[in-house]
Amino acid sequence: RDNPKNTVYLQMNSLKPEDTAVYYCAGKAIYSISWFGVSSTDYDYWGQ
């Protein structure tokens, strides 16, 4: 992530056919600086 640019990245190398999908980014406003979520229900905001 680059917070000053308000952007998050996903660098994908050694791609495989099974990586084919629609990729979505998601966000959750949170107080904790160390928290992260691994379930879709953890997040409040979604891209298209």
All heavy atoms as atom14 arrays in JSON, in Angstrom:
{
  "sequence": "RDNPKNTVYLQMNSLKPEDTAVYYCAGKAIYSISWFGVSSTDYDYWGQ",
  "atom14_mask": [
    [1, 1, 1, 1, 1, 1, 1, 1, 1, 1, 1, 0, 0, 0],
    [1, 1, 1, 1, 1, 1, 1, 1, 0, 0, 0, 0, 0, 0],
    [1, 1, 1, 1, 1, 1, 1, 1, 0, 0, 0, 0, 0, 0],
    [1, 1, 1, 1, 1, 1, 1, 0, 0, 0, 0, 0, 0, 0],
    [1, 1, 1, 1, 1, 1, 1, 1, 1, 0, 0, 0, 0, 0],
    [1, 1, 1, 1, 1, 1, 1, 1, 0, 0, 0, 0, 0, 0],
    [1, 1, 1, 1, 1, 1, 1, 0, 0, 0, 0, 0, 0, 0],
    [1, 1, 1, 1, 1, 1, 1, 0, 0, 0, 0, 0, 0, 0],
    [1, 1, 1, 1, 1, 1, 1, 1, 1, 1, 1, 1, 0, 0],
    [1, 1, 1, 1, 1, 1, 1, 1, 0, 0, 0, 0, 0, 0],
    [1, 1, 1, 1, 1, 1, 1, 1, 1, 0, 0, 0, 0, 0],
    [1, 1, 1, 1, 1, 1, 1, 1, 0, 0, 0, 0, 0, 0],
    [1, 1, 1, 1, 1, 1, 1, 1, 0, 0, 0, 0, 0, 0],
    [1, 1, 1, 1, 1, 1, 0, 0, 0, 0, 0, 0, 0, 0],
    [1, 1, 1, 1, 1, 1, 1, 1, 0, 0, 0, 0, 0, 0],
    [1, 1, 1, 1, 1, 1, 1, 1, 1, 0, 0, 0, 0, 0],
    [1, 1, 1, 1, 1, 1, 1, 0, 0, 0, 0, 0, 0, 0],
    [1, 1, 1, 1, 1, 1, 1, 1, 1, 0, 0, 0, 0, 0],
    [1, 1, 1, 1, 1, 1, 1, 1, 0, 0, 0, 0, 0, 0],
    [1, 1, 1, 1, 1, 1, 1, 0, 0, 0, 0, 0, 0, 0],
    [1, 1, 1, 1, 1, 0, 0, 0, 0, 0, 0, 0, 0, 0],
    [1, 1, 1, 1, 1, 1, 1, 0, 0, 0, 0, 0, 0, 0],
    [1, 1, 1, 1, 1, 1, 1, 1, 1, 1, 1, 1, 0, 0],
    [1, 1, 1, 1, 1, 1, 1, 1, 1, 1, 1, 1, 0, 0],
    [1, 1, 1, 1, 1, 1, 0, 0, 0, 0, 0, 0, 0, 0],
    [1, 1, 1, 1, 1, 0, 0, 0, 0, 0, 0, 0, 0, 0],
    [1, 1, 1, 1, 0, 0, 0, 0, 0, 0, 0, 0, 0, 0],
    [1, 1, 1, 1, 1, 1, 1, 1, 1, 0, 0, 0, 0, 0],
    [1, 1, 1, 1, 1, 0, 0, 0, 0, 0, 0, 0, 0, 0],
    [1, 1, 1, 1, 1, 1, 1, 1, 0, 0, 0, 0, 0, 0],
    [1, 1, 1, 1, 1, 1, 1, 1, 1, 1, 1, 1, 0, 0],
    [1, 1, 1, 1, 1, 1, 0, 0, 0, 0, 0, 0, 0, 0],
    [1, 1, 1, 1, 1, 1, 1, 1, 0, 0, 0, 0, 0, 0],
    [1, 1, 1, 1, 1, 1, 0, 0, 0, 0, 0, 0, 0, 0],
    [1, 1, 1, 1, 1, 1, 1, 1, 1, 1, 1, 1, 1, 1],
    [1, 1, 1, 1, 1, 1, 1, 1, 1, 1, 1, 0, 0, 0],
    [1, 1, 1, 1, 0, 0, 0, 0, 0, 0, 0, 0, 0, 0],
    [1, 1, 1, 1, 1, 1, 1, 0, 0, 0, 0, 0, 0, 0],
    [1, 1, 1, 1, 1, 1, 0, 0, 0, 0, 0, 0, 0, 0],
    [1, 1, 1, 1, 1, 1, 0, 0, 0, 0, 0, 0, 0, 0],
    [1, 1, 1, 1, 1, 1, 1, 0, 0, 0, 0, 0, 0, 0],
    [1, 1, 1, 1, 1, 1, 1, 1, 0, 0, 0, 0, 0, 0],
    [1, 1, 1, 1, 1, 1, 1, 1, 1, 1, 1, 1, 0, 0],
    [1, 1, 1, 1, 1, 1, 1, 1, 0, 0, 0, 0, 0, 0],
    [1, 1, 1, 1, 1, 1, 1, 1, 1, 1, 1, 1, 0, 0],
    [1, 1, 1, 1, 1, 1, 1, 1, 1, 1, 1, 1, 1, 1],
    [1, 1, 1, 1, 0, 0, 0, 0, 0, 0, 0, 0, 0, 0],
    [1, 1, 1, 1, 1, 1, 1, 1, 1, 0, 0, 0, 0, 0]
  ],
  "atom14_positions": [
    [[0.82, -1.19, 0.0], [0.0, 0.0, 0.0], [0.86, 1.24, 0.0], [1.98, 1.24, 0.54], [-0.95, 0.0, 1.2], [-0.29, 0.03, 2.56], [-1.32, -0.25, 3.66], [-2.39, 0.75, 3.64], [-3.62, 0.53, 4.09], [-3.94, -0.65, 4.61], [-4.52, 1.47, 4.05], [0.0, 0.0, 0.0], [0.0, 0.0, 0.0], [0.0, 0.0, 0.0]],
    [[0.33, 2.3, -0.59], [0.97, 3.61, -0.6], [-0.07, 4.57, -0.05], [-0.92, 5.07, -0.81], [1.39, 3.97, -2.02], [2.21, 5.24, -2.08], [2.07, 6.09, -1.17], [2.97, 5.41, -3.04], [0.0, 0.0, 0.0], [0.0, 0.0, 0.0], [0.0, 0.0, 0.0], [0.0, 0.0, 0.0], [0.0, 0.0, 0.0], [0.0, 0.0, 0.0]],
    [[-0.04, 4.8, 1.23], [-1.08, 5.61, 1.86], [-1.12, 7.05, 1.34], [-2.23, 7.57, 1.12], [-0.92, 5.58, 3.38], [-1.42, 4.26, 3.98], [-2.12, 3.5, 3.34], [-1.03, 3.99, 5.21], [0.0, 0.0, 0.0], [0.0, 0.0, 0.0], [0.0, 0.0, 0.0], [0.0, 0.0, 0.0], [0.0, 0.0, 0.0], [0.0, 0.0, 0.0]],
    [[0.02, 7.71, 1.12], [-0.07, 9.07, 0.55], [-0.77, 9.11, -0.8], [-1.4, 10.11, -1.15], [1.39, 9.49, 0.45], [2.08, 8.71, 1.49], [1.38, 7.38, 1.5], [0.0, 0.0, 0.0], [0.0, 0.0, 0.0], [0.0, 0.0, 0.0], [0.0, 0.0, 0.0], [0.0, 0.0, 0.0], [0.0, 0.0, 0.0], [0.0, 0.0, 0.0]],
    [[-0.65, 8.02, -1.56], [-1.32, 7.95, -2.87], [-2.72, 7.33, -2.77], [-3.4, 7.19, -3.78], [-0.48, 7.14, -3.87], [0.81, 7.82, -4.26], [1.52, 7.02, -5.35], [2.79, 7.73, -5.79], [3.51, 6.99, -6.85], [0.0, 0.0, 0.0], [0.0, 0.0, 0.0], [0.0, 0.0, 0.0], [0.0, 0.0, 0.0], [0.0, 0.0, 0.0]],
    [[-3.1, 6.95, -1.55], [-4.42, 6.34, -1.34], [-4.65, 5.14, -2.25], [-5.74, 4.96, -2.81], [-5.52, 7.38, -1.57], [-6.24, 7.74, -0.28], [-5.73, 7.49, 0.82], [-7.41, 8.31, -0.4], [0.0, 0.0, 0.0], [0.0, 0.0, 0.0], [0.0, 0.0, 0.0], [0.0, 0.0, 0.0], [0.0, 0.0, 0.0], [0.0, 0.0, 0.0]],
    [[-3.62, 4.31, -2.38], [-3.68, 3.19, -3.31], [-3.11, 1.93, -2.68], [-2.12, 1.99, -1.94], [-2.92, 3.52, -4.61], [-3.45, 4.71, -5.19], [-3.04, 2.38, -5.62], [0.0, 0.0, 0.0], [0.0, 0.0, 0.0], [0.0, 0.0, 0.0], [0.0, 0.0, 0.0], [0.0, 0.0, 0.0], [0.0, 0.0, 0.0], [0.0, 0.0, 0.0]],
    [[-3.74, 0.82, -2.99], [-3.27, -0.5, -2.58], [-2.97, -1.29, -3.85], [-3.68, -1.15, -4.85], [-4.31, -1.22, -1.72], [-3.88, -2.63, -1.4], [-4.55, -0.44, -0.44], [0.0, 0.0, 0.0], [0.0, 0.0, 0.0], [0.0, 0.0, 0.0], [0.0, 0.0, 0.0], [0.0, 0.0, 0.0], [0.0, 0.0, 0.0], [0.0, 0.0, 0.0]],
    [[-1.94, -2.12, -3.78], [-1.52, -2.87, -4.96], [-1.54, -4.37, -4.68], [-1.41, -4.82, -3.54], [-0.09, -2.47, -5.35], [0.07, -0.99, -5.6], [0.58, -0.16, -4.62], [-0.28, -0.44, -6.82], [0.74, 1.2, -4.84], [-0.13, 0.92, -7.05], [0.38, 1.73, -6.05], [0.52, 3.07, -6.28], [0.0, 0.0, 0.0], [0.0, 0.0, 0.0]],
    [[-1.65, -5.12, -5.75], [-1.47, -6.56, -5.68], [-0.57, -6.96, -6.85], [-1.0, -6.94, -8.01], [-2.79, -7.32, -5.76], [-2.68, -8.83, -5.59], [-2.27, -9.16, -4.14], [-4.0, -9.53, -5.92], [0.0, 0.0, 0.0], [0.0, 0.0, 0.0], [0.0, 0.0, 0.0], [0.0, 0.0, 0.0], [0.0, 0.0, 0.0], [0.0, 0.0, 0.0]],
    [[0.68, -7.25, -6.53], [1.63, -7.71, -7.55], [1.47, -9.22, -7.69], [1.62, -9.95, -6.7], [3.06, -7.36, -7.14], [4.11, -7.86, -8.1], [4.05, -7.17, -9.44], [3.9, -5.96, -9.52], [4.17, -7.95, -10.53], [0.0, 0.0, 0.0], [0.0, 0.0, 0.0], [0.0, 0.0, 0.0], [0.0, 0.0, 0.0], [0.0, 0.0, 0.0]],
    [[1.18, -9.66, -8.89], [0.92, -11.07, -9.13], [1.97, -11.6, -10.11], [2.04, -11.15, -11.26], [-0.48, -11.27, -9.71], [-1.57, -10.64, -8.84], [-3.24, -11.02, -9.43], [-3.22, -10.19, -11.01], [0.0, 0.0, 0.0], [0.0, 0.0, 0.0], [0.0, 0.0, 0.0], [0.0, 0.0, 0.0], [0.0, 0.0, 0.0], [0.0, 0.0, 0.0]],
    [[2.79, -12.52, -9.64], [3.83, -13.14, -10.46], [3.54, -14.62, -10.64], [2.74, -15.2, -9.9], [5.19, -12.95, -9.79], [5.59, -11.5, -9.65], [5.21, -10.64, -10.45], [6.34, -11.21, -8.61], [0.0, 0.0, 0.0], [0.0, 0.0, 0.0], [0.0, 0.0, 0.0], [0.0, 0.0, 0.0], [0.0, 0.0, 0.0], [0.0, 0.0, 0.0]],
    [[4.21, -15.21, -11.61], [4.07, -16.66, -11.87], [2.6, -17.05, -11.95], [2.15, -18.02, -11.33], [4.77, -17.47, -10.77], [6.14, -17.13, -10.7], [0.0, 0.0, 0.0], [0.0, 0.0, 0.0], [0.0, 0.0, 0.0], [0.0, 0.0, 0.0], [0.0, 0.0, 0.0], [0.0, 0.0, 0.0], [0.0, 0.0, 0.0], [0.0, 0.0, 0.0]],
    [[1.86, -16.3, -12.72], [0.42, -16.53, -12.8], [0.1, -17.87, -13.42], [0.8, -18.37, -14.32], [-0.24, -15.4, -13.59], [-0.42, -14.1, -12.79], [-0.62, -12.92, -13.71], [-1.56, -14.24, -11.81], [0.0, 0.0, 0.0], [0.0, 0.0, 0.0], [0.0, 0.0, 0.0], [0.0, 0.0, 0.0], [0.0, 0.0, 0.0], [0.0, 0.0, 0.0]],
    [[-0.99, -18.46, -12.94], [-1.45, -19.76, -13.4], [-2.88, -19.62, -13.95], [-3.61, -18.71, -13.55], [-1.47, -20.75, -12.23], [-0.15, -20.9, -11.5], [-0.3, -21.79, -10.29], [1.01, -21.94, -9.53], [0.85, -22.81, -8.33], [0.0, 0.0, 0.0], [0.0, 0.0, 0.0], [0.0, 0.0, 0.0], [0.0, 0.0, 0.0], [0.0, 0.0, 0.0]],
    [[-3.29, -20.52, -14.82], [-4.67, -20.46, -15.33], [-5.71, -20.45, -14.22], [-6.76, -19.8, -14.36], [-4.77, -21.71, -16.21], [-3.37, -21.94, -16.67], [-2.5, -21.54, -15.52], [0.0, 0.0, 0.0], [0.0, 0.0, 0.0], [0.0, 0.0, 0.0], [0.0, 0.0, 0.0], [0.0, 0.0, 0.0], [0.0, 0.0, 0.0], [0.0, 0.0, 0.0]],
    [[-5.42, -21.12, -13.12], [-6.38, -21.16, -12.01], [-6.47, -19.84, -11.25], [-7.32, -19.68, -10.38], [-6.05, -22.3, -11.03], [-4.62, -22.33, -10.56], [-3.77, -23.31, -11.37], [-3.89, -23.32, -12.62], [-2.98, -24.05, -10.73], [0.0, 0.0, 0.0], [0.0, 0.0, 0.0], [0.0, 0.0, 0.0], [0.0, 0.0, 0.0], [0.0, 0.0, 0.0]],
    [[-5.63, -18.87, -11.59], [-5.74, -17.53, -11.01], [-6.78, -16.68, -11.76], [-7.08, -15.56, -11.34], [-4.4, -16.8, -11.05], [-3.36, -17.45, -10.17], [-3.7, -17.84, -9.04], [-2.2, -17.54, -10.61], [0.0, 0.0, 0.0], [0.0, 0.0, 0.0], [0.0, 0.0, 0.0], [0.0, 0.0, 0.0], [0.0, 0.0, 0.0], [0.0, 0.0, 0.0]],
    [[-7.3, -17.2, -12.85], [-8.3, -16.48, -13.62], [-9.55, -16.22, -12.78], [-10.13, -17.15, -12.21], [-8.69, -17.27, -14.88], [-7.55, -17.36, -15.75], [-9.84, -16.61, -15.63], [0.0, 0.0, 0.0], [0.0, 0.0, 0.0], [0.0, 0.0, 0.0], [0.0, 0.0, 0.0], [0.0, 0.0, 0.0], [0.0, 0.0, 0.0], [0.0, 0.0, 0.0]],
    [[-9.92, -14.95, -12.68], [-11.07, -14.55, -11.86], [-11.27, -13.04, -11.98], [-10.42, -12.33, -12.54], [-10.82, -14.91, -10.39], [0.0, 0.0, 0.0], [0.0, 0.0, 0.0], [0.0, 0.0, 0.0], [0.0, 0.0, 0.0], [0.0, 0.0, 0.0], [0.0, 0.0, 0.0], [0.0, 0.0, 0.0], [0.0, 0.0, 0.0], [0.0, 0.0, 0.0]],
    [[-12.37, -12.58, -11.42], [-12.55, -11.15, -11.2], [-11.96, -10.86, -9.83], [-12.3, -11.52, -8.85], [-14.04, -10.75, -11.26], [-14.19, -9.26, -10.93], [-14.61, -11.07, -12.63], [0.0, 0.0, 0.0], [0.0, 0.0, 0.0], [0.0, 0.0, 0.0], [0.0, 0.0, 0.0], [0.0, 0.0, 0.0], [0.0, 0.0, 0.0], [0.0, 0.0, 0.0]],
    [[-11.08, -9.88, -9.78], [-10.41, -9.51, -8.54], [-11.03, -8.24, -7.97], [-11.22, -7.25, -8.68], [-8.92, -9.3, -8.79], [-8.17, -10.6, -8.93], [-8.34, -11.41, -10.05], [-7.31, -11.05, -7.93], [-7.67, -12.62, -10.17], [-6.63, -12.25, -8.04], [-6.82, -13.03, -9.17], [-6.16, -14.24, -9.28], [0.0, 0.0, 0.0], [0.0, 0.0, 0.0]],
    [[-11.32, -8.31, -6.67], [-11.95, -7.2, -5.98], [-11.07, -6.72, -4.84], [-10.49, -7.54, -4.11], [-13.28, -7.63, -5.37], [-14.31, -8.11, -6.36], [-14.38, -9.45, -6.72], [-15.23, -7.23, -6.91], [-15.33, -9.91, -7.62], [-16.2, -7.67, -7.8], [-16.23, -9.02, -8.15], [-17.18, -9.46, -9.05], [0.0, 0.0, 0.0], [0.0, 0.0, 0.0]],
    [[-10.99, -5.4, -4.66], [-10.37, -4.9, -3.44], [-11.48, -4.53, -2.47], [-12.61, -4.21, -2.87], [-9.43, -3.73, -3.71], [-10.22, -2.22, -4.27], [0.0, 0.0, 0.0], [0.0, 0.0, 0.0], [0.0, 0.0, 0.0], [0.0, 0.0, 0.0], [0.0, 0.0, 0.0], [0.0, 0.0, 0.0], [0.0, 0.0, 0.0], [0.0, 0.0, 0.0]],
    [[-11.15, -4.59, -1.21], [-12.12, -4.33, -0.15], [-11.44, -3.56, 0.98], [-10.23, -3.7, 1.18], [-12.68, -5.65, 0.37], [0.0, 0.0, 0.0], [0.0, 0.0, 0.0], [0.0, 0.0, 0.0], [0.0, 0.0, 0.0], [0.0, 0.0, 0.0], [0.0, 0.0, 0.0], [0.0, 0.0, 0.0], [0.0, 0.0, 0.0], [0.0, 0.0, 0.0]],
    [[-12.23, -2.78, 1.69], [-11.68, -1.98, 2.77], [-12.56, -1.96, 4.0], [-13.77, -2.17, 3.91], [0.0, 0.0, 0.0], [0.0, 0.0, 0.0], [0.0, 0.0, 0.0], [0.0, 0.0, 0.0], [0.0, 0.0, 0.0], [0.0, 0.0, 0.0], [0.0, 0.0, 0.0], [0.0, 0.0, 0.0], [0.0, 0.0, 0.0], [0.0, 0.0, 0.0]],
    [[-11.91, -1.74, 5.12], [-12.63, -1.59, 6.38], [-11.94, -0.53, 7.21], [-10.74, -0.67, 7.51], [-12.7, -2.9, 7.17], [-13.46, -2.74, 8.49], [-13.55, -4.04, 9.24], [-14.27, -3.86, 10.56], [-15.7, -3.47, 10.35], [0.0, 0.0, 0.0], [0.0, 0.0, 0.0], [0.0, 0.0, 0.0], [0.0, 0.0, 0.0], [0.0, 0.0, 0.0]],
    [[-12.69, 0.5, 7.58], [-12.17, 1.51, 8.49], [-12.02, 0.89, 9.86], [-12.96, 0.28, 10.39], [-13.11, 2.71, 8.54], [0.0, 0.0, 0.0], [0.0, 0.0, 0.0], [0.0, 0.0, 0.0], [0.0, 0.0, 0.0], [0.0, 0.0, 0.0], [0.0, 0.0, 0.0], [0.0, 0.0, 0.0], [0.0, 0.0, 0.0], [0.0, 0.0, 0.0]],
    [[-10.82, 0.99, 10.43], [-10.53, 0.3, 11.68], [-9.54, 1.12, 12.49], [-8.68, 1.8, 11.94], [-9.96, -1.12, 11.38], [-9.9, -1.97, 12.62], [-8.59, -1.01, 10.71], [-11.17, -2.69, 12.88], [0.0, 0.0, 0.0], [0.0, 0.0, 0.0], [0.0, 0.0, 0.0], [0.0, 0.0, 0.0], [0.0, 0.0, 0.0], [0.0, 0.0, 0.0]],
    [[-9.68, 1.06, 13.81], [-8.77, 1.79, 14.68], [-7.41, 1.1, 14.78], [-6.37, 1.74, 14.74], [-9.37, 1.94, 16.06], [-8.47, 2.66, 17.03], [-8.33, 4.04, 16.99], [-7.73, 1.96, 17.98], [-7.49, 4.71, 17.86], [-6.89, 2.61, 18.87], [-6.78, 3.98, 18.8], [-5.94, 4.64, 19.66], [0.0, 0.0, 0.0], [0.0, 0.0, 0.0]],
    [[-7.44, -0.21, 14.87], [-6.2, -0.97, 15.05], [-5.3, -0.83, 13.83], [-5.74, -0.94, 12.69], [-6.53, -2.45, 15.26], [-5.36, -3.23, 15.16], [0.0, 0.0, 0.0], [0.0, 0.0, 0.0], [0.0, 0.0, 0.0], [0.0, 0.0, 0.0], [0.0, 0.0, 0.0], [0.0, 0.0, 0.0], [0.0, 0.0, 0.0], [0.0, 0.0, 0.0]],
    [[-4.02, -0.6, 14.06], [-3.07, -0.47, 12.95], [-2.56, -1.82, 12.48], [-1.9, -1.91, 11.44], [-1.88, 0.43, 13.31], [-1.07, -0.19, 14.46], [-2.34, 1.83, 13.64], [0.24, 0.51, 14.72], [0.0, 0.0, 0.0], [0.0, 0.0, 0.0], [0.0, 0.0, 0.0], [0.0, 0.0, 0.0], [0.0, 0.0, 0.0], [0.0, 0.0, 0.0]],
    [[-2.88, -2.88, 13.22], [-2.34, -4.19, 12.87], [-3.4, -5.17, 12.39], [-3.08, -6.25, 11.91], [-1.6, -4.8, 14.06], [-2.47, -4.95, 15.15], [0.0, 0.0, 0.0], [0.0, 0.0, 0.0], [0.0, 0.0, 0.0], [0.0, 0.0, 0.0], [0.0, 0.0, 0.0], [0.0, 0.0, 0.0], [0.0, 0.0, 0.0], [0.0, 0.0, 0.0]],
    [[-4.67, -4.82, 12.5], [-5.75, -5.73, 12.12], [-5.82, -5.93, 10.62], [-5.6, -4.99, 9.83], [-7.08, -5.18, 12.62], [-8.26, -6.06, 12.31], [-8.79, -7.04, 13.09], [-9.07, -6.01, 11.13], [-9.87, -7.61, 12.46], [-10.06, -7.01, 11.26], [-9.04, -5.24, 9.97], [-11.02, -7.24, 10.28], [-9.99, -5.47, 8.98], [-10.97, -6.47, 9.14]],
    [[-6.16, -7.14, 10.21], [-6.55, -7.38, 8.83], [-7.6, -8.47, 8.82], [-7.67, -9.3, 9.73], [-5.35, -7.77, 7.95], [-4.57, -8.95, 8.46], [-5.0, -10.25, 8.25], [-3.39, -8.76, 9.17], [-4.29, -11.32, 8.72], [-2.66, -9.84, 9.65], [-3.11, -11.13, 9.42], [0.0, 0.0, 0.0], [0.0, 0.0, 0.0], [0.0, 0.0, 0.0]],
    [[-8.42, -8.51, 7.8], [-9.49, -9.49, 7.72], [-9.25, -10.47, 6.59], [-8.63, -10.15, 5.58], [0.0, 0.0, 0.0], [0.0, 0.0, 0.0], [0.0, 0.0, 0.0], [0.0, 0.0, 0.0], [0.0, 0.0, 0.0], [0.0, 0.0, 0.0], [0.0, 0.0, 0.0], [0.0, 0.0, 0.0], [0.0, 0.0, 0.0], [0.0, 0.0, 0.0]],
    [[-9.75, -11.7, 6.75], [-9.58, -12.74, 5.73], [-10.91, -13.26, 5.21], [-10.95, -14.14, 4.35], [-8.74, -13.92, 6.26], [-7.34, -13.44, 6.65], [-9.43, -14.58, 7.44], [0.0, 0.0, 0.0], [0.0, 0.0, 0.0], [0.0, 0.0, 0.0], [0.0, 0.0, 0.0], [0.0, 0.0, 0.0], [0.0, 0.0, 0.0], [0.0, 0.0, 0.0]],
    [[-12.0, -12.68, 5.73], [-13.33, -13.07, 5.27], [-13.98, -11.88, 4.58], [-13.76, -10.73, 4.97], [-14.18, -13.51, 6.45], [-15.53, -13.66, 6.06], [0.0, 0.0, 0.0], [0.0, 0.0, 0.0], [0.0, 0.0, 0.0], [0.0, 0.0, 0.0], [0.0, 0.0, 0.0], [0.0, 0.0, 0.0], [0.0, 0.0, 0.0], [0.0, 0.0, 0.0]],
    [[-14.78, -12.17, 3.58], [-15.46, -11.08, 2.87], [-16.38, -10.31, 3.8], [-16.59, -9.1, 3.61], [-16.23, -11.62, 1.67], [-17.2, -12.56, 2.09], [0.0, 0.0, 0.0], [0.0, 0.0, 0.0], [0.0, 0.0, 0.0], [0.0, 0.0, 0.0], [0.0, 0.0, 0.0], [0.0, 0.0, 0.0], [0.0, 0.0, 0.0], [0.0, 0.0, 0.0]],
    [[-16.88, -10.96, 4.83], [-17.78, -10.28, 5.77], [-17.03, -9.33, 6.7], [-17.66, -8.57, 7.41], [-18.56, -11.3, 6.61], [-17.64, -12.16, 7.28], [-19.47, -12.15, 5.72], [0.0, 0.0, 0.0], [0.0, 0.0, 0.0], [0.0, 0.0, 0.0], [0.0, 0.0, 0.0], [0.0, 0.0, 0.0], [0.0, 0.0, 0.0], [0.0, 0.0, 0.0]],
    [[-15.7, -9.39, 6.69], [-14.91, -8.47, 7.51], [-14.89, -7.06, 6.94], [-14.53, -6.12, 7.64], [-13.46, -8.96, 7.62], [-13.34, -10.23, 8.45], [-14.17, -10.42, 9.35], [-12.4, -11.01, 8.18], [0.0, 0.0, 0.0], [0.0, 0.0, 0.0], [0.0, 0.0, 0.0], [0.0, 0.0, 0.0], [0.0, 0.0, 0.0], [0.0, 0.0, 0.0]],
    [[-15.23, -6.91, 5.67], [-15.02, -5.64, 4.97], [-16.33, -4.93, 4.66], [-17.36, -5.57, 4.43], [-14.24, -5.89, 3.68], [-12.83, -6.35, 3.96], [-12.53, -7.7, 4.08], [-11.82, -5.41, 4.14], [-11.23, -8.11, 4.37], [-10.52, -5.81, 4.42], [-10.23, -7.15, 4.53], [-8.95, -7.56, 4.83], [0.0, 0.0, 0.0], [0.0, 0.0, 0.0]],
    [[-16.25, -3.61, 4.67], [-17.43, -2.77, 4.46], [-17.49, -2.15, 3.07], [-18.57, -1.82, 2.59], [-17.44, -1.64, 5.49], [-17.46, -2.16, 6.92], [-18.22, -3.12, 7.19], [-16.72, -1.62, 7.76], [0.0, 0.0, 0.0], [0.0, 0.0, 0.0], [0.0, 0.0, 0.0], [0.0, 0.0, 0.0], [0.0, 0.0, 0.0], [0.0, 0.0, 0.0]],
    [[-16.33, -1.95, 2.46], [-16.28, -1.25, 1.18], [-15.7, -2.18, 0.12], [-14.73, -2.89, 0.38], [-15.4, 0.01, 1.28], [-15.74, 0.89, 2.45], [-14.83, 1.06, 3.5], [-16.96, 1.54, 2.53], [-15.13, 1.86, 4.58], [-17.27, 2.34, 3.61], [-16.35, 2.49, 4.63], [-16.66, 3.29, 5.7], [0.0, 0.0, 0.0], [0.0, 0.0, 0.0]],
    [[-16.27, -2.09, -1.08], [-15.85, -2.96, -2.17], [-15.74, -2.17, -3.47], [-16.53, -1.26, -3.73], [-16.86, -4.1, -2.37], [-16.84, -5.07, -1.24], [-17.53, -4.99, -0.07], [-16.08, -6.28, -1.16], [-17.24, -6.07, 0.73], [-16.36, -6.88, 0.08], [-15.19, -6.91, -2.03], [-15.77, -8.08, 0.48], [-14.62, -8.1, -1.64], [-14.91, -8.68, -0.39]],
    [[-14.78, -2.58, -4.28], [-14.68, -2.04, -5.63], [-15.54, -2.85, -6.59], [-16.2, -3.82, -6.18], [0.0, 0.0, 0.0], [0.0, 0.0, 0.0], [0.0, 0.0, 0.0], [0.0, 0.0, 0.0], [0.0, 0.0, 0.0], [0.0, 0.0, 0.0], [0.0, 0.0, 0.0], [0.0, 0.0, 0.0], [0.0, 0.0, 0.0], [0.0, 0.0, 0.0]],
    [[-15.52, -2.46, -7.84], [-16.37, -3.1, -8.84], [-15.72, -4.33, -9.46], [-16.39, -5.11, -10.15], [-16.75, -2.1, -9.95], [-15.71, -1.93, -11.05], [-14.44, -1.23, -10.59], [-14.39, -0.63, -9.52], [-13.4, -1.28, -11.41], [0.0, 0.0, 0.0], [0.0, 0.0, 0.0], [0.0, 0.0, 0.0], [0.0, 0.0, 0.0], [0.0, 0.0, 0.0]]
  ]
}
